Amino acid sequence: ATFHGYSLGKKTLSIEVVPGFEPEQLAPFRDSLFMFPIGEEVSKSDVLDFFDPFLSLDCDVAECISINRDTSIASVHGFCTRLHATQAYTKGNGIRMKGSEVMIRYRLCDLTLPKESRVFISNIGDEVMSSDLYPIFKPFAEGGPMQVVIKRSKRYALVGFPKESHAADAVKVLGNIQVKDSFLYLYLSD
């Protein structure tokens, strides 16, 4: 069955009930989605351009979207329903935003990858951002998820891969690299 013109927060949509549909998908979604890596050139309004169809009408961009430039992660909340959040998650993974491929996760803990499959990078300068490291290491993830976290106060970064062999290949092929004004030393995390 299909229901047309269902209204929620002044937005209308059509709902096609298919096998496996669960009514709780139309329940409010109060959690956040996390998009990463967010490059320096990406603004809140760029993030809003993608998420706007999924957010409630009364969502204020200043309150619904925040970007942490140290971690290159945007958090987005204010979704109409769980269904809207699920659609944003599904449609947003792998899109390009200002030239960089981004991923979306429901929880920050979804970003955690095994310790054995991480590359430790020392000598991170203040000018090096997660969005600088992401494209360098992404080819080694072989299409799988990848995480870049910079610990600015301790001047190091971690790059997490799905498999231990991905991390080993990155260290072997890249060796030590220069990014902007920083000469970075790569090691397998132990």
C-alpha atoms as a PDB file:
ATOM      1  CA  ALA A   1       0.000   0.000   0.000  1.00  0.00           C
ATOM      2  CA  THR A   2       1.130   3.555  -0.631  1.00  0.00           C
ATOM      3  CA  PHE A   3       0.113   6.564   1.432  1.00  0.00           C
ATOM      4  CA  HIS A   4       0.533   9.957  -0.244  1.00  0.00           C
ATOM      5  CA  GLY A   5       0.659  13.376   1.364  1.00  0.00           C
ATOM      6  CA  TYR A   6       1.733  12.293   4.844  1.00  0.00           C
ATOM      7  CA  SER A   7       2.684  15.533   6.559  1.00  0.00           C
ATOM      8  CA  LEU A   8       5.309  15.959   9.215  1.00  0.00           C
ATOM      9  CA  GLY A   9       6.557  19.358  10.297  1.00  0.00           C
ATOM     10  CA  LYS A  10       5.142  20.988   7.120  1.00  0.00           C
ATOM     11  CA  LYS A  11       7.043  18.568   4.878  1.00  0.00           C
ATOM     12  CA  THR A  12       5.018  16.115   2.842  1.00  0.00           C
ATOM     13  CA  LEU A  13       6.106  12.737   1.666  1.00  0.00           C
ATOM     14  CA  SER A  14       4.709   9.570   0.202  1.00  0.00           C
ATOM     15  CA  ILE A  15       5.152   6.366   2.123  1.00  0.00           C
ATOM     16  CA  GLU A  16       5.116   3.009   0.421  1.00  0.00           C
ATOM     17  CA  VAL A  17       4.586   0.245   2.924  1.00  0.00           C
ATOM     18  CA  VAL A  18       6.761  -2.676   1.939  1.00  0.00           C
ATOM     19  CA  PRO A  19       7.433  -5.983   3.639  1.00  0.00           C
ATOM     20  CA  GLY A  20       9.662  -5.397   6.637  1.00  0.00           C
ATOM     21  CA  PHE A  21       8.398  -1.838   7.220  1.00  0.00           C
ATOM     22  CA  GLU A  22       8.310  -0.996  10.904  1.00  0.00           C
ATOM     23  CA  PRO A  23       6.082   1.878  12.114  1.00  0.00           C
ATOM     24  CA  GLU A  24       8.756   3.017  14.590  1.00  0.00           C
ATOM     25  CA  GLN A  25      10.737   4.246  11.564  1.00  0.00           C
ATOM     26  CA  LEU A  26       8.391   7.235  11.681  1.00  0.00           C
ATOM     27  CA  ALA A  27       9.266   7.929  15.313  1.00  0.00           C
ATOM     28  CA  PRO A  28      11.327  11.051  16.080  1.00  0.00           C
ATOM     29  CA  PHE A  29      15.092  10.643  15.748  1.00  0.00           C
ATOM     30  CA  ARG A  30      16.799  12.525  18.553  1.00  0.00           C
ATOM     31  CA  ASP A  31      20.397  11.408  17.988  1.00  0.00           C
ATOM     32  CA  SER A  32      23.028  12.836  15.651  1.00  0.00           C
ATOM     33  CA  LEU A  33      24.659  11.618  12.484  1.00  0.00           C
ATOM     34  CA  PHE A  34      28.371  12.241  12.022  1.00  0.00           C
ATOM     35  CA  MET A  35      29.925  13.131   8.648  1.00  0.00           C
ATOM     36  CA  PHE A  36      33.682  12.962   8.044  1.00  0.00           C
ATOM     37  CA  PRO A  37      36.234  13.978   6.886  1.00  0.00           C
ATOM     38  CA  ILE A  38      35.084  17.587   6.545  1.00  0.00           C
ATOM     39  CA  GLY A  39      37.674  19.680   4.700  1.00  0.00           C
ATOM     40  CA  GLU A  40      38.568  23.238   5.692  1.00  0.00           C
ATOM     41  CA  GLU A  41      36.713  24.606   2.673  1.00  0.00           C
ATOM     42  CA  VAL A  42      33.420  22.928   3.691  1.00  0.00           C
ATOM     43  CA  SER A  43      31.035  25.232   5.560  1.00  0.00           C
ATOM     44  CA  LYS A  44      27.941  24.574   7.663  1.00  0.00           C
ATOM     45  CA  SER A  45      25.794  25.666   4.745  1.00  0.00           C
ATOM     46  CA  ASP A  46      27.505  23.058   2.505  1.00  0.00           C
ATOM     47  CA  VAL A  47      26.628  20.354   5.035  1.00  0.00           C
ATOM     48  CA  LEU A  48      23.090  21.762   5.299  1.00  0.00           C
ATOM     49  CA  ASP A  49      22.673  21.620   1.503  1.00  0.00           C
ATOM     50  CA  PHE A  50      22.964  17.839   1.673  1.00  0.00           C
ATOM     51  CA  PHE A  51      21.011  17.239   4.894  1.00  0.00           C
ATOM     52  CA  ASP A  52      18.231  19.833   4.436  1.00  0.00           C
ATOM     53  CA  PRO A  53      15.652  17.460   2.865  1.00  0.00           C
ATOM     54  CA  PHE A  54      15.941  15.200   5.906  1.00  0.00           C
ATOM     55  CA  LEU A  55      15.790  17.833   8.671  1.00  0.00           C
ATOM     56  CA  SER A  56      12.740  19.327  10.352  1.00  0.00           C
ATOM     57  CA  LEU A  57      11.615  22.730   9.086  1.00  0.00           C
ATOM     58  CA  ASP A  58      12.358  24.505  12.334  1.00  0.00           C
ATOM     59  CA  CYS A  59      15.990  23.352  12.255  1.00  0.00           C
ATOM     60  CA  ASP A  60      18.367  26.296  12.663  1.00  0.00           C
ATOM     61  CA  VAL A  61      21.719  25.636  10.946  1.00  0.00           C
ATOM     62  CA  ALA A  62      23.566  27.236  13.873  1.00  0.00           C
ATOM     63  CA  GLU A  63      22.009  24.693  16.243  1.00  0.00           C
ATOM     64  CA  CYS A  64      21.602  21.602  14.045  1.00  0.00           C
ATOM     65  CA  ILE A  65      25.074  21.420  12.509  1.00  0.00           C
ATOM     66  CA  SER A  66      28.441  21.743  14.185  1.00  0.00           C
ATOM     67  CA  ILE A  67      31.868  21.153  12.675  1.00  0.00           C
ATOM     68  CA  ASN A  68      34.896  20.232  14.764  1.00  0.00           C
ATOM     69  CA  ARG A  69      37.847  21.411  12.670  1.00  0.00           C
ATOM     70  CA  ASP A  70      40.405  19.520  14.813  1.00  0.00           C
ATOM     71  CA  THR A  71      38.798  16.157  14.032  1.00  0.00           C
ATOM     72  CA  SER A  72      37.220  17.141  10.663  1.00  0.00           C
ATOM     73  CA  ILE A  73      33.868  15.748  11.830  1.00  0.00           C
ATOM     74  CA  ALA A  74      30.470  17.403  11.374  1.00  0.00           C
ATOM     75  CA  SER A  75      27.631  16.413  13.695  1.00  0.00           C
ATOM     76  CA  VAL A  76      24.089  16.864  12.439  1.00  0.00           C
ATOM     77  CA  HIS A  77      20.871  16.598  14.429  1.00  0.00           C
ATOM     78  CA  GLY A  78      17.266  17.716  14.001  1.00  0.00           C
ATOM     79  CA  PHE A  79      16.012  14.907  11.742  1.00  0.00           C
ATOM     80  CA  CYS A  80      12.255  14.610  11.202  1.00  0.00           C
ATOM     81  CA  THR A  81      12.104  10.856  11.838  1.00  0.00           C
ATOM     82  CA  ARG A  82      14.276   7.757  12.030  1.00  0.00           C
ATOM     83  CA  LEU A  83      13.371   7.133   8.391  1.00  0.00           C
ATOM     84  CA  HIS A  84      14.824  10.522   7.401  1.00  0.00           C
ATOM     85  CA  ALA A  85      18.043   9.812   9.304  1.00  0.00           C
ATOM     86  CA  THR A  86      18.306   6.386   7.656  1.00  0.00           C
ATOM     87  CA  GLN A  87      17.793   7.903   4.204  1.00  0.00           C
ATOM     88  CA  ALA A  88      20.453  10.568   4.871  1.00  0.00           C
ATOM     89  CA  TYR A  89      22.851   7.861   6.085  1.00  0.00           C
ATOM     90  CA  THR A  90      22.210   5.698   3.010  1.00  0.00           C
ATOM     91  CA  LYS A  91      22.395   8.494   0.425  1.00  0.00           C
ATOM     92  CA  GLY A  92      25.302  10.339   2.042  1.00  0.00           C
ATOM     93  CA  ASN A  93      27.922   7.636   2.396  1.00  0.00           C
ATOM     94  CA  GLY A  94      30.528   8.070  -0.312  1.00  0.00           C
ATOM     95  CA  ILE A  95      29.279  11.392  -1.681  1.00  0.00           C
ATOM     96  CA  ARG A  96      31.829  14.029  -2.606  1.00  0.00           C
ATOM     97  CA  MET A  97      31.748  17.310  -0.737  1.00  0.00           C
ATOM     98  CA  LYS A  98      34.013  20.028  -2.137  1.00  0.00           C
ATOM     99  CA  GLY A  99      36.176  17.350  -3.757  1.00  0.00           C
ATOM    100  CA  SER A 100      36.505  14.941  -0.795  1.00  0.00           C
ATOM    101  CA  GLU A 101      34.640  11.685  -0.319  1.00  0.00           C
ATOM    102  CA  VAL A 102      32.773  11.637   3.008  1.00  0.00           C
ATOM    103  CA  MET A 103      31.301   8.944   5.212  1.00  0.00           C
ATOM    104  CA  ILE A 104      28.356   9.130   7.608  1.00  0.00           C
ATOM    105  CA  ARG A 105      28.003   7.212  10.865  1.00  0.00           C
ATOM    106  CA  TYR A 106      25.289   7.013  13.524  1.00  0.00           C
ATOM    107  CA  ARG A 107      27.638   7.053  16.498  1.00  0.00           C
ATOM    108  CA  LEU A 108      31.186   8.173  17.012  1.00  0.00           C
ATOM    109  CA  CYS A 109      31.964   4.720  18.378  1.00  0.00           C
ATOM    110  CA  ASP A 110      31.209   3.442  14.850  1.00  0.00           C
ATOM    111  CA  LEU A 111      34.468   5.117  13.851  1.00  0.00           C
ATOM    112  CA  THR A 112      36.587   2.869  16.045  1.00  0.00           C
ATOM    113  CA  LEU A 113      38.709   0.389  14.141  1.00  0.00           C
ATOM    114  CA  PRO A 114      40.936  -2.357  15.613  1.00  0.00           C
ATOM    115  CA  LYS A 115      44.175  -1.241  17.262  1.00  0.00           C
ATOM    116  CA  GLU A 116      46.136  -3.769  15.204  1.00  0.00           C
ATOM    117  CA  SER A 117      45.087  -2.067  11.965  1.00  0.00           C
ATOM    118  CA  ARG A 118      46.187   1.482  12.795  1.00  0.00           C
ATOM    119  CA  VAL A 119      49.023   3.635  11.543  1.00  0.00           C
ATOM    120  CA  PHE A 120      50.618   5.911  14.145  1.00  0.00           C
ATOM    121  CA  ILE A 121      51.875   9.215  12.700  1.00  0.00           C
ATOM    122  CA  SER A 122      54.195  11.422  14.733  1.00  0.00           C
ATOM    123  CA  ASN A 123      55.273  15.047  14.281  1.00  0.00           C
ATOM    124  CA  ILE A 124      51.837  16.411  13.276  1.00  0.00           C
ATOM    125  CA  GLY A 125      52.072  20.182  12.851  1.00  0.00           C
ATOM    126  CA  ASP A 126      49.247  22.604  13.586  1.00  0.00           C
ATOM    127  CA  GLU A 127      48.641  23.157   9.870  1.00  0.00           C
ATOM    128  CA  VAL A 128      47.939  19.452   9.119  1.00  0.00           C
ATOM    129  CA  MET A 129      44.243  18.563   9.170  1.00  0.00           C
ATOM    130  CA  SER A 130      42.446  15.210   8.993  1.00  0.00           C
ATOM    131  CA  SER A 131      41.199  16.224   5.564  1.00  0.00           C
ATOM    132  CA  ASP A 132      44.853  16.457   4.410  1.00  0.00           C
ATOM    133  CA  LEU A 133      45.645  12.907   5.550  1.00  0.00           C
ATOM    134  CA  TYR A 134      42.432  11.237   4.399  1.00  0.00           C
ATOM    135  CA  PRO A 135      43.149  11.273   0.619  1.00  0.00           C
ATOM    136  CA  ILE A 136      46.735  10.087   1.185  1.00  0.00           C
ATOM    137  CA  PHE A 137      45.655   6.986   3.116  1.00  0.00           C
ATOM    138  CA  LYS A 138      42.251   6.242   1.501  1.00  0.00           C
ATOM    139  CA  PRO A 139      43.673   4.093  -1.358  1.00  0.00           C
ATOM    140  CA  PHE A 140      45.034   1.623   1.213  1.00  0.00           C
ATOM    141  CA  ALA A 141      41.539   1.041   2.703  1.00  0.00           C
ATOM    142  CA  GLU A 142      40.540  -0.768  -0.516  1.00  0.00           C
ATOM    143  CA  GLY A 143      37.036   0.716  -0.430  1.00  0.00           C
ATOM    144  CA  GLY A 144      36.455  -0.079   3.247  1.00  0.00           C
ATOM    145  CA  PRO A 145      35.915   2.363   6.092  1.00  0.00           C
ATOM    146  CA  MET A 146      38.828   4.423   7.313  1.00  0.00           C
ATOM    147  CA  GLN A 147      39.307   6.749  10.263  1.00  0.00           C
ATOM    148  CA  VAL A 148      41.705   9.645  10.755  1.00  0.00           C
ATOM    149  CA  VAL A 149      42.059  11.166  14.224  1.00  0.00           C
ATOM    150  CA  ILE A 150      44.528  13.892  15.122  1.00  0.00           C
ATOM    151  CA  LYS A 151      45.569  14.403  18.735  1.00  0.00           C
ATOM    152  CA  ARG A 152      46.749  17.978  18.414  1.00  0.00           C
ATOM    153  CA  SER A 153      47.923  18.372  22.021  1.00  0.00           C
ATOM    154  CA  LYS A 154      50.302  15.414  21.657  1.00  0.00           C
ATOM    155  CA  ARG A 155      51.259  16.109  18.015  1.00  0.00           C
ATOM    156  CA  TYR A 156      50.292  12.720  16.621  1.00  0.00           C
ATOM    157  CA  ALA A 157      47.588  11.165  14.462  1.00  0.00           C
ATOM    158  CA  LEU A 158      46.104   7.716  14.055  1.00  0.00           C
ATOM    159  CA  VAL A 159      44.771   6.299  10.814  1.00  0.00           C
ATOM    160  CA  GLY A 160      42.565   3.236  11.261  1.00  0.00           C
ATOM    161  CA  PHE A 161      41.875   0.623   8.577  1.00  0.00           C
ATOM    162  CA  PRO A 162      39.559  -2.421   8.482  1.00  0.00           C
ATOM    163  CA  LYS A 163      42.485  -4.862   8.151  1.00  0.00           C
ATOM    164  CA  GLU A 164      45.974  -5.081   9.594  1.00  0.00           C
ATOM    165  CA  SER A 165      47.387  -5.622   6.086  1.00  0.00           C
ATOM    166  CA  HIS A 166      45.984  -2.228   4.986  1.00  0.00           C
ATOM    167  CA  ALA A 167      47.949  -0.437   7.709  1.00  0.00           C
ATOM    168  CA  ALA A 168      51.110  -2.432   6.924  1.00  0.00           C
ATOM    169  CA  ASP A 169      50.819  -1.610   3.214  1.00  0.00           C
ATOM    170  CA  ALA A 170      50.387   2.114   3.948  1.00  0.00           C
ATOM    171  CA  VAL A 171      53.530   2.243   6.115  1.00  0.00           C
ATOM    172  CA  LYS A 172      55.533   0.149   3.628  1.00  0.00           C
ATOM    173  CA  VAL A 173      54.532   2.142   0.530  1.00  0.00           C
ATOM    174  CA  LEU A 174      54.441   5.652   2.005  1.00  0.00           C
ATOM    175  CA  GLY A 175      57.362   5.437   4.417  1.00  0.00           C
ATOM    176  CA  ASN A 176      57.785   8.890   5.944  1.00  0.00           C
ATOM    177  CA  ILE A 177      55.970  11.698   4.154  1.00  0.00           C
ATOM    178  CA  GLN A 178      55.781  15.468   4.075  1.00  0.00           C
ATOM    179  CA  VAL A 179      52.371  17.111   4.386  1.00  0.00           C
ATOM    180  CA  LYS A 180      52.350  20.887   4.176  1.00  0.00           C
ATOM    181  CA  ASP A 181      55.269  22.000   6.384  1.00  0.00           C
ATOM    182  CA  SER A 182      55.368  18.830   8.526  1.00  0.00           C
ATOM    183  CA  PHE A 183      57.619  15.833   7.950  1.00  0.00           C
ATOM    184  CA  LEU A 184      55.532  12.911   9.243  1.00  0.00           C
ATOM    185  CA  TYR A 185      56.890   9.626  10.604  1.00  0.00           C
ATOM    186  CA  LEU A 186      54.689   6.566  10.085  1.00  0.00           C
ATOM    187  CA  TYR A 187      54.666   3.457  12.281  1.00  0.00           C
ATOM    188  CA  LEU A 188      52.407   0.486  12.778  1.00  0.00           C
ATOM    189  CA  SER A 189      50.469   1.043  15.995  1.00  0.00           C
ATOM    190  CA  ASP A 190      51.147  -1.487  18.770  1.00  0.00           C
END
